[in-house]
Amino acid sequence: MIEMRYERTIEMIKRLVVDGTVPGVSYAMLDLSSDQIMSGIYGNEALVPDVEPLRENQLYDVASLTKVVGTTNVILQLIEQGKLRLTDSISQYLPEWRYPQVTVRHLLTHTSGITGYIKNRNQLPKLELKKALLGLHVGNDFDQQMTYSDINFIFLGWIASAILNQPIQDLISSHVLQPLKMTDSTFYPTNPAECVPTEVSPERGLIRGHVHDPKAAILGAECGSAGLFATKQDLLTFAKSLLTDDETLLSNETKDVLAQNNAPNAAVRSLGWALIPSAAADEHLCIWHSGFTGTAIVLDRQTGQGLVFLSNRIHPDSPNEPFLARRYAIIQSYLTEKEQ
């Protein structure tokens, strides 16, 4: 039974709530070979100003899962359609950018080496922030090392917009959410009560129904690195689209490529996704990604299995760094138990 297979992982997930590491958790393990889903919620969605028990199908600010649920797929669709190439210089689409050696592949694999300091970044108006980001430089990591950065996916969003003449978040809605019928997920929640809150910020108060990420809050619809609010059920729908041979979102050929290293030189990274070895005898690779707010997705296309994990680890206080090692241990436990 699927419940028995994931007994230890579920216990580790619940322990996050029991020991006060996170207010609450929402999780699902799916196994398409047996057509089973083990899903549950545990704990609270809010602790302040009042304790609120967690409810099913609430909207989570999924933070950087926006990169792989949204922007990555828009970019890969453009590549499939011949409107964009991995080898294209990003200067072709962002003429203000001064380093033509940086390609679309570099952005997707976080090997662009883009770096630099922007003074008062989180307080700048949109146009000033865009100008400052495009004025950054390329450091020594370029083409050699994977250095994760939101900037790569902000640039990818702008590239998609340059090709299709719409803001990236509108493109994600029309090219990903609507085709997959992810009807609850949105960049613009209309009812904060349906959203799991994140941080209690000194500047913004309780953040609920508004994106937590400061850059996404400034850039709005032009941000491809964060901003999506999604339900567990919609993320399961997304997971199934990548785990099965359904080609609504991407071709099967493209989906197979995702489980391969696509980074240059010594770096290891898929297109958009991180890679992690499965616990299977052949040690084939799975794709996964996390979000700052306390979220994660792990997908094994070879076996048709996946994990969707949602929490609001930064409620009421950020950054809650002890959570990070615990989340990774949960992922490792899941990878082990899914093979049993």
C-alpha atoms as a PDB file:
ATOM      1  CA  MET A   1       0.000   0.000   0.000  1.00  0.00           C
ATOM      2  CA  ILE A   2       1.175   3.514  -0.790  1.00  0.00           C
ATOM      3  CA  GLU A   3       0.402   4.622   2.798  1.00  0.00           C
ATOM      4  CA  MET A   4       2.835   2.054   4.193  1.00  0.00           C
ATOM      5  CA  ARG A   5       5.509   2.895   1.635  1.00  0.00           C
ATOM      6  CA  TYR A   6       5.714   6.518   2.757  1.00  0.00           C
ATOM      7  CA  GLU A   7       5.151   6.011   6.473  1.00  0.00           C
ATOM      8  CA  ARG A   8       8.565   7.351   7.542  1.00  0.00           C
ATOM      9  CA  THR A   9       8.430  10.341   5.189  1.00  0.00           C
ATOM     10  CA  ILE A  10       4.968  11.331   6.394  1.00  0.00           C
ATOM     11  CA  GLU A  11       6.146  11.071   9.979  1.00  0.00           C
ATOM     12  CA  MET A  12       9.080  13.384   9.191  1.00  0.00           C
ATOM     13  CA  ILE A  13       6.709  15.846   7.532  1.00  0.00           C
ATOM     14  CA  LYS A  14       4.368  15.899  10.515  1.00  0.00           C
ATOM     15  CA  ARG A  15       7.279  16.266  12.919  1.00  0.00           C
ATOM     16  CA  LEU A  16       7.995  19.664  11.367  1.00  0.00           C
ATOM     17  CA  VAL A  17       4.685  20.821  12.828  1.00  0.00           C
ATOM     18  CA  VAL A  18       4.959  18.951  16.121  1.00  0.00           C
ATOM     19  CA  ASP A  19       8.284  20.569  17.000  1.00  0.00           C
ATOM     20  CA  GLY A  20       7.220  24.023  15.805  1.00  0.00           C
ATOM     21  CA  THR A  21       9.493  24.277  12.760  1.00  0.00           C
ATOM     22  CA  VAL A  22       6.521  25.165  10.521  1.00  0.00           C
ATOM     23  CA  PRO A  23       2.885  26.047  11.301  1.00  0.00           C
ATOM     24  CA  GLY A  24       1.437  23.415   8.980  1.00  0.00           C
ATOM     25  CA  VAL A  25       2.107  21.108   6.043  1.00  0.00           C
ATOM     26  CA  SER A  26       0.213  19.963   2.990  1.00  0.00           C
ATOM     27  CA  TYR A  27       1.653  17.032   1.064  1.00  0.00           C
ATOM     28  CA  ALA A  28       0.926  14.448  -1.594  1.00  0.00           C
ATOM     29  CA  MET A  29       2.800  11.450  -2.982  1.00  0.00           C
ATOM     30  CA  LEU A  30       1.560  10.171  -6.310  1.00  0.00           C
ATOM     31  CA  ASP A  31       2.335   6.856  -7.953  1.00  0.00           C
ATOM     32  CA  LEU A  32       0.935   6.665 -11.457  1.00  0.00           C
ATOM     33  CA  SER A  33       1.893   3.003 -11.955  1.00  0.00           C
ATOM     34  CA  SER A  34      -0.662   2.027  -9.312  1.00  0.00           C
ATOM     35  CA  ASP A  35      -2.891   5.075  -9.854  1.00  0.00           C
ATOM     36  CA  GLN A  36      -2.600   6.034  -6.185  1.00  0.00           C
ATOM     37  CA  ILE A  37      -2.184   9.346  -4.381  1.00  0.00           C
ATOM     38  CA  MET A  38      -1.385   9.670  -0.690  1.00  0.00           C
ATOM     39  CA  SER A  39      -2.438  13.181   0.344  1.00  0.00           C
ATOM     40  CA  GLY A  40      -2.806  14.942   3.664  1.00  0.00           C
ATOM     41  CA  ILE A  41      -2.665  18.155   5.660  1.00  0.00           C
ATOM     42  CA  TYR A  42      -1.443  18.680   9.204  1.00  0.00           C
ATOM     43  CA  GLY A  43      -1.226  21.659  11.530  1.00  0.00           C
ATOM     44  CA  ASN A  44      -2.209  25.287  11.100  1.00  0.00           C
ATOM     45  CA  GLU A  45      -2.070  27.752   8.239  1.00  0.00           C
ATOM     46  CA  ALA A  46      -1.756  30.814  10.471  1.00  0.00           C
ATOM     47  CA  LEU A  47      -0.392  31.457  13.948  1.00  0.00           C
ATOM     48  CA  VAL A  48      -0.862  35.241  14.065  1.00  0.00           C
ATOM     49  CA  PRO A  49      -2.873  37.296  14.580  1.00  0.00           C
ATOM     50  CA  ASP A  50      -4.960  34.194  15.375  1.00  0.00           C
ATOM     51  CA  VAL A  51      -4.405  30.468  15.114  1.00  0.00           C
ATOM     52  CA  GLU A  52      -6.194  29.099  12.043  1.00  0.00           C
ATOM     53  CA  PRO A  53      -6.307  25.350  11.295  1.00  0.00           C
ATOM     54  CA  LEU A  54      -4.972  24.435   7.873  1.00  0.00           C
ATOM     55  CA  ARG A  55      -7.629  23.705   5.252  1.00  0.00           C
ATOM     56  CA  GLU A  56      -7.422  21.619   2.110  1.00  0.00           C
ATOM     57  CA  ASN A  57      -6.807  23.270  -1.239  1.00  0.00           C
ATOM     58  CA  GLN A  58      -5.650  26.604   0.110  1.00  0.00           C
ATOM     59  CA  LEU A  59      -3.497  28.783  -2.130  1.00  0.00           C
ATOM     60  CA  TYR A  60       0.212  28.830  -1.281  1.00  0.00           C
ATOM     61  CA  ASP A  61       2.712  31.443  -2.382  1.00  0.00           C
ATOM     62  CA  VAL A  62       4.947  28.863  -4.067  1.00  0.00           C
ATOM     63  CA  ALA A  63       7.855  31.311  -4.575  1.00  0.00           C
ATOM     64  CA  SER A  64      10.529  29.801  -6.835  1.00  0.00           C
ATOM     65  CA  LEU A  65       8.316  26.927  -7.937  1.00  0.00           C
ATOM     66  CA  THR A  66       7.090  29.667 -10.292  1.00  0.00           C
ATOM     67  CA  LYS A  67      10.343  29.089 -12.194  1.00  0.00           C
ATOM     68  CA  VAL A  68       9.634  25.438 -13.023  1.00  0.00           C
ATOM     69  CA  VAL A  69       5.835  25.408 -13.061  1.00  0.00           C
ATOM     70  CA  GLY A  70       5.698  28.558 -15.148  1.00  0.00           C
ATOM     71  CA  THR A  71       8.665  30.250 -16.801  1.00  0.00           C
ATOM     72  CA  THR A  72      10.634  27.105 -17.696  1.00  0.00           C
ATOM     73  CA  ASN A  73       7.694  25.687 -19.611  1.00  0.00           C
ATOM     74  CA  VAL A  74       6.991  28.911 -21.510  1.00  0.00           C
ATOM     75  CA  ILE A  75      10.653  29.021 -22.568  1.00  0.00           C
ATOM     76  CA  LEU A  76      10.729  25.311 -23.530  1.00  0.00           C
ATOM     77  CA  GLN A  77       7.561  25.760 -25.575  1.00  0.00           C
ATOM     78  CA  LEU A  78       9.223  28.612 -27.469  1.00  0.00           C
ATOM     79  CA  ILE A  79      12.215  26.345 -28.128  1.00  0.00           C
ATOM     80  CA  GLU A  80       9.933  23.543 -29.351  1.00  0.00           C
ATOM     81  CA  GLN A  81       8.240  26.019 -31.696  1.00  0.00           C
ATOM     82  CA  GLY A  82      11.551  27.211 -33.121  1.00  0.00           C
ATOM     83  CA  LYS A  83      11.060  30.748 -31.816  1.00  0.00           C
ATOM     84  CA  LEU A  84      14.023  30.513 -29.437  1.00  0.00           C
ATOM     85  CA  ARG A  85      17.222  28.459 -29.150  1.00  0.00           C
ATOM     86  CA  LEU A  86      19.258  27.408 -26.130  1.00  0.00           C
ATOM     87  CA  THR A  87      22.310  28.879 -27.843  1.00  0.00           C
ATOM     88  CA  ASP A  88      20.747  32.294 -28.470  1.00  0.00           C
ATOM     89  CA  SER A  89      22.555  35.212 -26.891  1.00  0.00           C
ATOM     90  CA  ILE A  90      20.249  36.956 -24.466  1.00  0.00           C
ATOM     91  CA  SER A  91      21.468  40.278 -25.893  1.00  0.00           C
ATOM     92  CA  GLN A  92      19.435  39.399 -28.981  1.00  0.00           C
ATOM     93  CA  TYR A  93      16.277  39.902 -26.899  1.00  0.00           C
ATOM     94  CA  LEU A  94      17.553  42.255 -24.182  1.00  0.00           C
ATOM     95  CA  PRO A  95      19.658  44.804 -26.112  1.00  0.00           C
ATOM     96  CA  GLU A  96      20.472  46.766 -22.938  1.00  0.00           C
ATOM     97  CA  TRP A  97      22.456  43.759 -21.676  1.00  0.00           C
ATOM     98  CA  ARG A  98      26.204  44.201 -22.276  1.00  0.00           C
ATOM     99  CA  TYR A  99      27.440  40.596 -22.212  1.00  0.00           C
ATOM    100  CA  PRO A 100      26.460  38.769 -25.421  1.00  0.00           C
ATOM    101  CA  GLN A 101      28.297  35.595 -24.348  1.00  0.00           C
ATOM    102  CA  VAL A 102      25.423  34.774 -21.946  1.00  0.00           C
ATOM    103  CA  THR A 103      22.934  32.435 -23.617  1.00  0.00           C
ATOM    104  CA  VAL A 104      19.459  31.130 -22.874  1.00  0.00           C
ATOM    105  CA  ARG A 105      21.055  27.852 -21.726  1.00  0.00           C
ATOM    106  CA  HIS A 106      23.161  29.759 -19.188  1.00  0.00           C
ATOM    107  CA  LEU A 107      20.041  31.353 -17.721  1.00  0.00           C
ATOM    108  CA  LEU A 108      18.097  28.075 -17.564  1.00  0.00           C
ATOM    109  CA  THR A 109      20.969  26.257 -15.837  1.00  0.00           C
ATOM    110  CA  HIS A 110      22.014  29.130 -13.533  1.00  0.00           C
ATOM    111  CA  THR A 111      25.482  29.220 -15.096  1.00  0.00           C
ATOM    112  CA  SER A 112      25.258  32.805 -16.359  1.00  0.00           C
ATOM    113  CA  GLY A 113      27.570  34.165 -13.666  1.00  0.00           C
ATOM    114  CA  ILE A 114      25.412  37.294 -13.401  1.00  0.00           C
ATOM    115  CA  THR A 115      26.357  39.141 -10.256  1.00  0.00           C
ATOM    116  CA  GLY A 116      26.599  42.582  -8.700  1.00  0.00           C
ATOM    117  CA  TYR A 117      25.176  44.739  -5.944  1.00  0.00           C
ATOM    118  CA  ILE A 118      22.083  46.890  -6.340  1.00  0.00           C
ATOM    119  CA  LYS A 119      21.753  49.491  -3.607  1.00  0.00           C
ATOM    120  CA  ASN A 120      18.309  49.622  -1.984  1.00  0.00           C
ATOM    121  CA  ARG A 121      17.158  46.955  -4.464  1.00  0.00           C
ATOM    122  CA  ASN A 122      13.947  46.095  -2.646  1.00  0.00           C
ATOM    123  CA  GLN A 123      12.844  49.727  -2.456  1.00  0.00           C
ATOM    124  CA  LEU A 124      13.356  50.704  -6.108  1.00  0.00           C
ATOM    125  CA  PRO A 125      10.439  51.479  -8.447  1.00  0.00           C
ATOM    126  CA  LYS A 126       9.897  48.955 -11.245  1.00  0.00           C
ATOM    127  CA  LEU A 127      11.656  50.828 -14.038  1.00  0.00           C
ATOM    128  CA  GLU A 128      14.681  51.601 -11.870  1.00  0.00           C
ATOM    129  CA  LEU A 129      14.916  47.974 -10.725  1.00  0.00           C
ATOM    130  CA  LYS A 130      14.758  46.727 -14.324  1.00  0.00           C
ATOM    131  CA  LYS A 131      17.503  49.147 -15.357  1.00  0.00           C
ATOM    132  CA  ALA A 132      19.654  48.115 -12.399  1.00  0.00           C
ATOM    133  CA  LEU A 133      19.237  44.396 -13.127  1.00  0.00           C
ATOM    134  CA  LEU A 134      20.177  44.875 -16.771  1.00  0.00           C
ATOM    135  CA  GLY A 135      23.225  46.832 -15.603  1.00  0.00           C
ATOM    136  CA  LEU A 136      24.708  43.940 -13.606  1.00  0.00           C
ATOM    137  CA  HIS A 137      27.889  42.207 -14.770  1.00  0.00           C
ATOM    138  CA  VAL A 138      29.181  38.690 -15.392  1.00  0.00           C
ATOM    139  CA  GLY A 139      31.603  37.254 -12.834  1.00  0.00           C
ATOM    140  CA  ASN A 140      34.120  34.416 -12.725  1.00  0.00           C
ATOM    141  CA  ASP A 141      31.438  31.735 -12.339  1.00  0.00           C
ATOM    142  CA  PHE A 142      30.254  32.250 -15.913  1.00  0.00           C
ATOM    143  CA  ASP A 143      29.941  28.992 -17.878  1.00  0.00           C
ATOM    144  CA  GLN A 144      31.763  27.085 -15.119  1.00  0.00           C
ATOM    145  CA  GLN A 145      29.643  26.849 -11.991  1.00  0.00           C
ATOM    146  CA  MET A 146      25.980  26.626 -11.077  1.00  0.00           C
ATOM    147  CA  THR A 147      25.177  29.666  -8.929  1.00  0.00           C
ATOM    148  CA  TYR A 148      21.449  29.834  -8.298  1.00  0.00           C
ATOM    149  CA  SER A 149      19.930  33.271  -8.846  1.00  0.00           C
ATOM    150  CA  ASP A 150      16.448  34.674  -9.393  1.00  0.00           C
ATOM    151  CA  ILE A 151      17.930  37.081 -11.926  1.00  0.00           C
ATOM    152  CA  ASN A 152      18.319  34.281 -14.474  1.00  0.00           C
ATOM    153  CA  PHE A 153      14.581  33.664 -14.512  1.00  0.00           C
ATOM    154  CA  ILE A 154      13.659  37.318 -14.389  1.00  0.00           C
ATOM    155  CA  PHE A 155      15.689  37.689 -17.596  1.00  0.00           C
ATOM    156  CA  LEU A 156      14.040  34.580 -19.107  1.00  0.00           C
ATOM    157  CA  GLY A 157      10.648  36.107 -18.407  1.00  0.00           C
ATOM    158  CA  TRP A 158      11.687  39.289 -20.201  1.00  0.00           C
ATOM    159  CA  ILE A 159      12.955  37.246 -23.162  1.00  0.00           C
ATOM    160  CA  ALA A 160       9.617  35.424 -23.467  1.00  0.00           C
ATOM    161  CA  SER A 161       7.864  38.789 -23.295  1.00  0.00           C
ATOM    162  CA  ALA A 162      10.098  40.210 -26.017  1.00  0.00           C
ATOM    163  CA  ILE A 163       9.080  37.338 -28.317  1.00  0.00           C
ATOM    164  CA  LEU A 164       5.369  37.126 -27.483  1.00  0.00           C
ATOM    165  CA  ASN A 165       4.646  40.736 -26.478  1.00  0.00           C
ATOM    166  CA  GLN A 166       2.987  39.892 -23.169  1.00  0.00           C
ATOM    167  CA  PRO A 167       4.219  39.969 -19.561  1.00  0.00           C
ATOM    168  CA  ILE A 168       5.610  36.612 -18.439  1.00  0.00           C
ATOM    169  CA  GLN A 169       2.973  36.053 -15.761  1.00  0.00           C
ATOM    170  CA  ASP A 170       0.211  36.501 -18.339  1.00  0.00           C
ATOM    171  CA  LEU A 171       2.077  34.033 -20.577  1.00  0.00           C
ATOM    172  CA  ILE A 172       2.290  31.495 -17.765  1.00  0.00           C
ATOM    173  CA  SER A 173      -1.452  31.829 -17.222  1.00  0.00           C
ATOM    174  CA  SER A 174      -2.275  31.346 -20.918  1.00  0.00           C
ATOM    175  CA  HIS A 175       0.417  28.779 -21.799  1.00  0.00           C
ATOM    176  CA  VAL A 176       0.537  26.653 -18.623  1.00  0.00           C
ATOM    177  CA  LEU A 177      -2.280  27.202 -16.145  1.00  0.00           C
ATOM    178  CA  GLN A 178      -5.167  27.365 -18.615  1.00  0.00           C
ATOM    179  CA  PRO A 179      -4.134  24.449 -20.877  1.00  0.00           C
ATOM    180  CA  LEU A 180      -3.662  22.212 -17.827  1.00  0.00           C
ATOM    181  CA  LYS A 181      -6.903  23.476 -16.261  1.00  0.00           C
ATOM    182  CA  MET A 182      -5.081  24.616 -13.128  1.00  0.00           C
ATOM    183  CA  THR A 183      -8.123  26.744 -12.444  1.00  0.00           C
ATOM    184  CA  ASP A 184      -7.410  27.703  -8.836  1.00  0.00           C
ATOM    185  CA  SER A 185      -3.825  28.835  -9.367  1.00  0.00           C
ATOM    186  CA  THR A 186      -3.222  32.511 -10.034  1.00  0.00           C
ATOM    187  CA  PHE A 187      -0.844  35.444  -9.744  1.00  0.00           C
ATOM    188  CA  TYR A 188      -3.660  37.630  -8.470  1.00  0.00           C
ATOM    189  CA  PRO A 189      -5.546  36.110  -5.518  1.00  0.00           C
ATOM    190  CA  THR A 190      -8.836  37.880  -4.959  1.00  0.00           C
ATOM    191  CA  ASN A 191      -9.607  36.500  -1.499  1.00  0.00           C
ATOM    192  CA  PRO A 192      -6.786  36.602   1.074  1.00  0.00           C
ATOM    193  CA  ALA A 193      -8.710  34.131   3.266  1.00  0.00           C
ATOM    194  CA  GLU A 194      -8.053  31.462   0.634  1.00  0.00           C
ATOM    195  CA  CYS A 195      -4.287  32.045   0.899  1.00  0.00           C
ATOM    196  CA  VAL A 196      -1.889  30.608   3.450  1.00  0.00           C
ATOM    197  CA  PRO A 197      -0.052  33.608   4.968  1.00  0.00           C
ATOM    198  CA  THR A 198       3.700  34.060   4.928  1.00  0.00           C
ATOM    199  CA  GLU A 199       5.867  36.466   6.905  1.00  0.00           C
ATOM    200  CA  VAL A 200       4.816  39.151   9.341  1.00  0.00           C
ATOM    201  CA  SER A 201       6.988  41.891   7.883  1.00  0.00           C
ATOM    202  CA  PRO A 202       7.996  45.056   9.769  1.00  0.00           C
ATOM    203  CA  GLU A 203       7.296  47.040   6.595  1.00  0.00           C
ATOM    204  CA  ARG A 204       4.310  45.178   5.133  1.00  0.00           C
ATOM    205  CA  GLY A 205       2.619  43.588   8.153  1.00  0.00           C
ATOM    206  CA  LEU A 206       1.086  40.128   7.699  1.00  0.00           C
ATOM    207  CA  ILE A 207       1.651  39.142   4.066  1.00  0.00           C
ATOM    208  CA  ARG A 208      -1.368  37.200   2.893  1.00  0.00           C
ATOM    209  CA  GLY A 209      -2.587  37.005  -0.670  1.00  0.00           C
ATOM    210  CA  HIS A 210       0.327  39.121  -1.868  1.00  0.00           C
ATOM    211  CA  VAL A 211       3.643  37.754  -3.093  1.00  0.00           C
ATOM    212  CA  HIS A 212       6.347  37.598  -0.441  1.00  0.00           C
ATOM    213  CA  ASP A 213       9.364  37.964  -2.715  1.00  0.00           C
ATOM    214  CA  PRO A 214      10.401  41.654  -2.805  1.00  0.00           C
ATOM    215  CA  LYS A 215      11.557  41.638  -6.447  1.00  0.00           C
ATOM    216  CA  ALA A 216       8.331  39.959  -7.548  1.00  0.00           C
ATOM    217  CA  ALA A 217       6.314  42.496  -5.561  1.00  0.00           C
ATOM    218  CA  ILE A 218       8.035  45.326  -7.457  1.00  0.00           C
ATOM    219  CA  LEU A 219       8.091  43.768 -10.932  1.00  0.00           C
ATOM    220  CA  GLY A 220       4.550  42.409 -10.791  1.00  0.00           C
ATOM    221  CA  ALA A 221       3.465  40.688 -14.010  1.00  0.00           C
ATOM    222  CA  GLU A 222       6.984  41.087 -15.411  1.00  0.00           C
ATOM    223  CA  CYS A 223       8.557  38.706 -12.879  1.00  0.00           C
ATOM    224  CA  GLY A 224       9.298  35.141 -13.981  1.00  0.00           C
ATOM    225  CA  SER A 225      11.113  34.029 -10.829  1.00  0.00           C
ATOM    226  CA  ALA A 226       8.283  34.125  -8.265  1.00  0.00           C
ATOM    227  CA  GLY A 227       4.707  35.290  -7.829  1.00  0.00           C
ATOM    228  CA  LEU A 228       2.545  32.216  -8.440  1.00  0.00           C
ATOM    229  CA  PHE A 229      -0.077  31.127  -5.926  1.00  0.00           C
ATOM    230  CA  ALA A 230      -1.069  27.482  -6.372  1.00  0.00           C
ATOM    231  CA  THR A 231      -3.080  24.768  -4.639  1.00  0.00           C
ATOM    232  CA  LYS A 232      -1.833  21.274  -3.929  1.00  0.00           C
ATOM    233  CA  GLN A 233      -4.408  19.831  -6.305  1.00  0.00           C
ATOM    234  CA  ASP A 234      -3.273  22.061  -9.149  1.00  0.00           C
ATOM    235  CA  LEU A 235       0.359  21.158  -8.508  1.00  0.00           C
ATOM    236  CA  LEU A 236      -0.609  17.484  -8.677  1.00  0.00           C
ATOM    237  CA  THR A 237      -2.210  18.217 -12.046  1.00  0.00           C
ATOM    238  CA  PHE A 238       1.036  19.838 -13.153  1.00  0.00           C
ATOM    239  CA  ALA A 239       3.086  16.916 -11.836  1.00  0.00           C
ATOM    240  CA  LYS A 240       0.968  14.424 -13.786  1.00  0.00           C
ATOM    241  CA  SER A 241       1.525  16.396 -16.979  1.00  0.00           C
ATOM    242  CA  LEU A 242       5.284  15.875 -16.649  1.00  0.00           C
ATOM    243  CA  LEU A 243       5.109  12.291 -15.392  1.00  0.00           C
ATOM    244  CA  THR A 244       2.797  10.978 -18.105  1.00  0.00           C
ATOM    245  CA  ASP A 245       2.957  11.014 -21.901  1.00  0.00           C
ATOM    246  CA  ASP A 246       0.325  13.747 -22.114  1.00  0.00           C
ATOM    247  CA  GLU A 247       1.732  16.450 -24.395  1.00  0.00           C
ATOM    248  CA  THR A 248      -0.563  19.312 -23.450  1.00  0.00           C
ATOM    249  CA  LEU A 249       2.353  21.198 -21.897  1.00  0.00           C
ATOM    250  CA  LEU A 250       5.541  19.805 -23.455  1.00  0.00           C
ATOM    251  CA  SER A 251       6.507  17.069 -25.888  1.00  0.00           C
ATOM    252  CA  ASN A 252       7.639  13.752 -24.439  1.00  0.00           C
ATOM    253  CA  GLU A 253      11.040  14.292 -26.017  1.00  0.00           C
ATOM    254  CA  THR A 254      11.465  17.567 -24.112  1.00  0.00           C
ATOM    255  CA  LYS A 255      10.243  16.014 -20.859  1.00  0.00           C
ATOM    256  CA  ASP A 256      12.777  13.194 -21.203  1.00  0.00           C
ATOM    257  CA  VAL A 257      15.565  15.753 -21.625  1.00  0.00           C
ATOM    258  CA  LEU A 258      14.652  17.322 -18.275  1.00  0.00           C
ATOM    259  CA  ALA A 259      16.108  14.352 -16.389  1.00  0.00           C
ATOM    260  CA  GLN A 260      19.528  14.949 -17.970  1.00  0.00           C
ATOM    261  CA  ASN A 261      22.330  17.321 -17.126  1.00  0.00           C
ATOM    262  CA  ASN A 262      22.106  20.318 -19.442  1.00  0.00           C
ATOM    263  CA  ALA A 263      24.672  22.595 -17.809  1.00  0.00           C
ATOM    264  CA  PRO A 264      28.068  23.400 -19.360  1.00  0.00           C
ATOM    265  CA  ASN A 265      31.452  22.162 -18.141  1.00  0.00           C
ATOM    266  CA  ALA A 266      31.579  21.033 -14.496  1.00  0.00           C
ATOM    267  CA  ALA A 267      28.165  22.377 -13.503  1.00  0.00           C
ATOM    268  CA  VAL A 268      25.211  20.024 -12.950  1.00  0.00           C
ATOM    269  CA  ARG A 269      21.718  21.309 -13.644  1.00  0.00           C
ATOM    270  CA  SER A 270      18.743  20.520 -15.818  1.00  0.00           C
ATOM    271  CA  LEU A 271      16.817  23.094 -17.832  1.00  0.00           C
ATOM    272  CA  GLY A 272      15.169  25.011 -15.018  1.00  0.00           C
ATOM    273  CA  TRP A 273      15.146  22.071 -12.642  1.00  0.00           C
ATOM    274  CA  ALA A 274      17.688  20.756 -10.150  1.00  0.00           C
ATOM    275  CA  LEU A 275      18.743  17.113 -10.427  1.00  0.00           C
ATOM    276  CA  ILE A 276      18.926  14.525  -7.677  1.00  0.00           C
ATOM    277  CA  PRO A 277      19.818  10.804  -7.862  1.00  0.00           C
ATOM    278  CA  SER A 278      16.986   8.397  -7.268  1.00  0.00           C
ATOM    279  CA  ALA A 279      17.416   5.564  -4.776  1.00  0.00           C
ATOM    280  CA  ALA A 280      16.843   3.007  -7.527  1.00  0.00           C
ATOM    281  CA  ALA A 281      19.527   0.484  -8.433  1.00  0.00           C
ATOM    282  CA  ASP A 282      20.352   2.360 -11.647  1.00  0.00           C
ATOM    283  CA  GLU A 283      20.568   5.689  -9.782  1.00  0.00           C
ATOM    284  CA  HIS A 284      18.681   7.472 -12.549  1.00  0.00           C
ATOM    285  CA  LEU A 285      18.110  11.172 -12.019  1.00  0.00           C
ATOM    286  CA  CYS A 286      14.944  12.834 -10.736  1.00  0.00           C
ATOM    287  CA  ILE A 287      14.071  16.502 -11.149  1.00  0.00           C
ATOM    288  CA  TRP A 288      13.185  18.709  -8.218  1.00  0.00           C
ATOM    289  CA  HIS A 289      12.870  22.307  -7.131  1.00  0.00           C
ATOM    290  CA  SER A 290      12.122  24.201  -3.948  1.00  0.00           C
ATOM    291  CA  GLY A 291      10.672  27.563  -3.006  1.00  0.00           C
ATOM    292  CA  PHE A 292      11.833  30.035  -0.348  1.00  0.00           C
ATOM    293  CA  THR A 293       8.421  30.070   1.321  1.00  0.00           C
ATOM    294  CA  GLY A 294       8.723  26.364   2.193  1.00  0.00           C
ATOM    295  CA  THR A 295       7.650  24.434  -0.890  1.00  0.00           C
ATOM    296  CA  ALA A 296       9.086  21.630  -3.032  1.00  0.00           C
ATOM    297  CA  ILE A 297       8.285  19.310  -5.935  1.00  0.00           C
ATOM    298  CA  VAL A 298      10.161  16.079  -6.735  1.00  0.00           C
ATOM    299  CA  LEU A 299       9.376  14.166  -9.951  1.00  0.00           C
ATOM    300  CA  ASP A 300      10.619  10.811 -11.237  1.00  0.00           C
ATOM    301  CA  ARG A 301       9.411  10.483 -14.817  1.00  0.00           C
ATOM    302  CA  GLN A 302      11.044   7.061 -15.221  1.00  0.00           C
ATOM    303  CA  THR A 303       8.860   5.526 -12.496  1.00  0.00           C
ATOM    304  CA  GLY A 304       5.860   7.860 -12.681  1.00  0.00           C
ATOM    305  CA  GLN A 305       6.179   9.008  -9.085  1.00  0.00           C
ATOM    306  CA  GLY A 306       6.174  12.441  -7.509  1.00  0.00           C
ATOM    307  CA  LEU A 307       6.092  14.420  -4.268  1.00  0.00           C
ATOM    308  CA  VAL A 308       4.350  17.750  -3.750  1.00  0.00           C
ATOM    309  CA  PHE A 309       5.265  19.395  -0.439  1.00  0.00           C
ATOM    310  CA  LEU A 310       3.836  22.710   0.750  1.00  0.00           C
ATOM    311  CA  SER A 311       4.444  24.665   3.941  1.00  0.00           C
ATOM    312  CA  ASN A 312       4.723  28.294   4.993  1.00  0.00           C
ATOM    313  CA  ARG A 313       8.016  28.001   6.838  1.00  0.00           C
ATOM    314  CA  ILE A 314       8.469  31.792   6.953  1.00  0.00           C
ATOM    315  CA  HIS A 315       5.260  32.352   8.941  1.00  0.00           C
ATOM    316  CA  PRO A 316       5.400  34.271  11.112  1.00  0.00           C
ATOM    317  CA  ASP A 317       9.164  34.824  10.941  1.00  0.00           C
ATOM    318  CA  SER A 318      11.711  34.588   8.134  1.00  0.00           C
ATOM    319  CA  PRO A 319      14.096  33.010   7.204  1.00  0.00           C
ATOM    320  CA  ASN A 320      13.746  29.940   9.498  1.00  0.00           C
ATOM    321  CA  GLU A 321      16.947  28.393   8.171  1.00  0.00           C
ATOM    322  CA  PRO A 322      16.787  25.175  10.278  1.00  0.00           C
ATOM    323  CA  PHE A 323      13.886  24.142   8.028  1.00  0.00           C
ATOM    324  CA  LEU A 324      16.131  23.771   4.987  1.00  0.00           C
ATOM    325  CA  ALA A 325      18.051  20.704   6.118  1.00  0.00           C
ATOM    326  CA  ARG A 326      14.833  19.128   7.363  1.00  0.00           C
ATOM    327  CA  ARG A 327      13.158  19.583   3.963  1.00  0.00           C
ATOM    328  CA  TYR A 328      16.096  18.000   2.165  1.00  0.00           C
ATOM    329  CA  ALA A 329      16.032  15.053   4.584  1.00  0.00           C
ATOM    330  CA  ILE A 330      12.333  14.596   3.805  1.00  0.00           C
ATOM    331  CA  ILE A 331      13.113  14.517   0.083  1.00  0.00           C
ATOM    332  CA  GLN A 332      15.839  11.923   0.633  1.00  0.00           C
ATOM    333  CA  SER A 333      13.470   9.829   2.721  1.00  0.00           C
ATOM    334  CA  TYR A 334      10.846  10.045   0.011  1.00  0.00           C
ATOM    335  CA  LEU A 335      13.296   8.935  -2.677  1.00  0.00           C
ATOM    336  CA  THR A 336      14.250   5.926  -0.565  1.00  0.00           C
ATOM    337  CA  GLU A 337      10.720   4.911   0.411  1.00  0.00           C
ATOM    338  CA  LYS A 338       9.277   5.191  -3.085  1.00  0.00           C
ATOM    339  CA  GLU A 339      11.597   2.360  -4.157  1.00  0.00           C
ATOM    340  CA  GLN A 340      10.385  -0.004  -1.420  1.00  0.00           C
END
